[in-house]
N, C-alpha and C. Protein backbone atom coordinates (compact mmCIF):
# COMPACT_ATOMS: atom_id res chain seq x y z
N UNK A 1 61.54 109.86 140.24
CA UNK A 1 60.47 110.34 139.24
C UNK A 1 59.43 110.99 139.77
N UNK A 2 59.10 112.04 139.11
CA UNK A 2 57.92 112.79 139.68
C UNK A 2 56.55 112.35 138.90
N UNK A 3 55.46 112.79 139.56
CA UNK A 3 54.21 112.20 138.95
C UNK A 3 54.06 112.72 137.57
N UNK A 4 53.65 111.99 136.69
CA UNK A 4 53.42 112.32 135.41
C UNK A 4 54.71 112.06 134.32
N UNK A 5 55.75 111.63 135.07
CA UNK A 5 56.94 111.46 134.06
C UNK A 5 56.81 110.17 133.54
N UNK A 6 57.12 110.10 132.21
CA UNK A 6 57.12 108.79 131.53
C UNK A 6 58.39 108.04 131.51
N UNK A 7 58.24 106.75 131.43
CA UNK A 7 59.63 106.01 131.50
C UNK A 7 60.36 106.17 130.21
N UNK A 8 61.72 106.18 130.46
CA UNK A 8 62.41 106.26 129.15
C UNK A 8 62.22 105.34 128.12
N UNK A 9 62.32 105.82 126.88
CA UNK A 9 62.10 104.86 125.87
C UNK A 9 63.12 103.64 125.90
N UNK A 10 62.88 102.51 125.44
CA UNK A 10 63.85 101.50 125.62
C UNK A 10 65.20 101.65 124.83
N UNK A 11 65.21 102.36 123.76
CA UNK A 11 66.28 102.43 122.98
C UNK A 11 67.13 103.67 123.23
N UNK A 12 66.80 104.37 124.45
CA UNK A 12 67.22 105.60 124.74
C UNK A 12 68.83 105.29 125.18
N UNK A 13 69.12 104.29 125.88
CA UNK A 13 70.34 103.96 126.36
C UNK A 13 71.06 102.85 125.69
N UNK A 14 72.11 102.91 125.07
CA UNK A 14 72.67 101.78 124.37
C UNK A 14 74.15 101.74 124.80
N UNK A 15 74.70 100.56 124.93
CA UNK A 15 76.22 100.34 125.45
C UNK A 15 77.10 101.32 124.20
N UNK A 16 78.20 101.82 124.95
CA UNK A 16 79.16 102.54 123.96
C UNK A 16 79.82 101.50 122.89
N UNK A 17 79.93 100.32 123.19
CA UNK A 17 80.51 99.50 122.40
C UNK A 17 79.42 98.71 121.40
N UNK A 18 78.34 99.42 121.32
CA UNK A 18 77.31 98.54 120.54
C UNK A 18 77.60 98.77 118.99
N UNK A 19 78.67 98.36 118.41
CA UNK A 19 78.94 98.54 117.01
C UNK A 19 78.46 97.30 116.25
N UNK A 20 77.25 97.58 115.85
CA UNK A 20 76.50 96.56 114.99
C UNK A 20 77.36 96.52 113.66
N UNK A 21 77.67 95.23 113.26
CA UNK A 21 78.46 95.24 111.88
C UNK A 21 77.47 95.56 110.67
N UNK A 22 77.87 96.34 109.95
CA UNK A 22 77.23 96.75 108.79
C UNK A 22 77.27 95.69 107.63
N UNK A 23 78.36 94.80 107.75
CA UNK A 23 78.30 93.71 106.84
C UNK A 23 78.91 92.46 107.55
N UNK A 24 78.95 91.31 106.83
CA UNK A 24 79.47 90.10 107.36
C UNK A 24 81.04 90.24 107.40
N UNK A 25 81.59 89.56 108.29
CA UNK A 25 83.28 89.74 108.37
C UNK A 25 83.68 88.90 106.93
N UNK A 26 84.89 89.52 106.56
CA UNK A 26 85.44 88.88 105.17
C UNK A 26 85.62 87.33 105.39
N UNK A 27 85.32 86.64 104.40
CA UNK A 27 85.83 85.17 104.41
C UNK A 27 87.33 84.98 104.33
N UNK A 28 87.82 84.36 105.29
CA UNK A 28 89.30 84.11 105.36
C UNK A 28 89.64 82.65 105.54
N UNK A 29 90.66 82.15 105.19
CA UNK A 29 90.92 80.86 105.27
C UNK A 29 91.84 80.56 106.62
N UNK A 30 91.02 80.14 107.65
CA UNK A 30 91.66 80.01 108.97
C UNK A 30 92.55 79.02 109.11
N UNK A 31 92.69 78.00 108.35
CA UNK A 31 93.75 77.04 108.31
C UNK A 31 94.90 77.68 107.90
N UNK A 32 94.96 78.42 106.87
CA UNK A 32 96.17 79.08 106.37
C UNK A 32 96.77 80.23 107.44
N UNK A 33 95.78 80.83 107.87
CA UNK A 33 96.21 81.89 109.05
C UNK A 33 96.86 81.32 110.14
N UNK A 34 96.20 80.16 110.69
CA UNK A 34 96.89 79.40 111.72
C UNK A 34 98.12 78.88 111.28
N UNK A 35 98.31 78.12 110.18
CA UNK A 35 99.56 77.79 109.66
C UNK A 35 100.58 78.90 109.69
N UNK A 36 100.41 80.17 109.28
CA UNK A 36 101.21 81.20 109.17
C UNK A 36 101.66 81.68 110.60
N UNK A 37 100.80 81.64 111.75
CA UNK A 37 101.12 82.06 112.95
C UNK A 37 101.85 80.98 113.51
N UNK A 38 101.70 79.74 113.43
CA UNK A 38 102.41 78.73 114.01
C UNK A 38 104.00 78.73 113.31
N UNK A 39 104.13 78.93 112.13
CA UNK A 39 105.16 79.08 111.59
C UNK A 39 106.02 80.16 112.21
N UNK A 40 105.46 81.22 112.37
CA UNK A 40 106.32 82.54 113.11
C UNK A 40 106.57 82.07 114.45
N UNK A 41 105.68 81.61 115.00
CA UNK A 41 106.09 81.07 116.50
C UNK A 41 107.16 80.10 116.52
N UNK A 42 107.28 79.30 115.68
CA UNK A 42 108.22 78.20 115.52
C UNK A 42 109.44 78.78 115.23
N UNK A 43 109.66 79.83 114.03
CA UNK A 43 110.84 80.49 113.88
C UNK A 43 111.36 81.21 115.08
N UNK A 44 110.44 81.85 115.73
CA UNK A 44 110.83 82.69 117.12
C UNK A 44 111.62 81.83 118.07
N UNK A 45 110.92 80.59 118.25
CA UNK A 45 111.45 79.63 119.34
C UNK A 45 112.75 79.09 118.80
N UNK A 46 113.02 78.69 117.39
CA UNK A 46 114.20 78.60 117.06
C UNK A 46 115.36 79.47 117.16
N UNK A 47 114.98 80.69 116.99
CA UNK A 47 115.87 81.69 117.16
C UNK A 47 116.51 81.84 118.63
N UNK A 48 115.47 81.73 119.48
CA UNK A 48 115.79 81.73 120.95
C UNK A 48 116.76 80.56 121.34
N UNK A 49 116.45 79.43 120.85
CA UNK A 49 117.44 78.26 121.03
C UNK A 49 118.84 78.39 120.43
N UNK A 50 118.94 79.01 119.18
CA UNK A 50 120.05 79.22 118.63
C UNK A 50 120.98 80.27 119.40
N UNK A 51 120.28 81.30 119.83
CA UNK A 51 121.01 82.36 120.66
C UNK A 51 121.62 81.89 122.03
N UNK A 52 120.77 80.83 122.60
CA UNK A 52 121.10 80.30 123.86
C UNK A 52 122.36 79.39 123.79
N UNK A 53 122.22 78.58 122.56
CA UNK A 53 123.34 77.67 122.37
C UNK A 53 124.63 78.43 121.94
N UNK A 54 124.66 79.60 121.23
CA UNK A 54 125.85 80.29 120.95
C UNK A 54 126.27 81.13 122.24
N UNK A 55 125.33 81.49 123.00
CA UNK A 55 125.83 82.00 124.29
C UNK A 55 126.45 81.00 125.34
N UNK A 56 126.09 79.87 125.22
CA UNK A 56 126.71 78.78 125.96
C UNK A 56 128.05 78.22 125.39
N UNK A 57 128.31 78.40 124.08
CA UNK A 57 129.44 77.91 123.33
C UNK A 57 130.46 79.13 122.93
N UNK A 58 130.37 80.26 123.68
CA UNK A 58 131.07 81.38 123.12
C UNK A 58 132.56 81.40 123.47
N UNK A 59 133.10 80.30 124.09
CA UNK A 59 134.44 80.28 124.43
C UNK A 59 135.52 80.25 123.14
N UNK A 60 136.65 80.84 123.28
CA UNK A 60 137.53 80.81 122.34
C UNK A 60 138.17 79.43 122.16
N UNK A 61 138.44 78.87 120.93
CA UNK A 61 139.00 77.65 120.83
C UNK A 61 140.54 77.52 121.58
N UNK A 62 140.76 76.38 122.35
CA UNK A 62 142.05 76.46 122.82
C UNK A 62 143.21 76.36 121.82
N UNK A 63 144.24 76.99 122.02
CA UNK A 63 145.66 76.76 121.05
C UNK A 63 146.47 76.24 121.62
N UNK A 64 147.21 75.24 120.95
CA UNK A 64 148.21 74.47 121.58
C UNK A 64 149.41 75.18 121.39
N UNK A 65 150.34 75.13 122.34
CA UNK A 65 151.50 75.75 122.32
C UNK A 65 152.77 74.88 122.36
């Protein structure tokens, strides 16, 4: 700084992600949202188990001669 320079105003520099919310976030039912997520995860896990079970049992049935 040179002699006679003033300090920068306090609001001159702001973070790039300083997105102050213009309004309150919407009211959501957190319990219902978590239940939906848990159900989706459960279905995904069940599908993985079914695929693994089918892959382990993919042999053709034996035919008696």
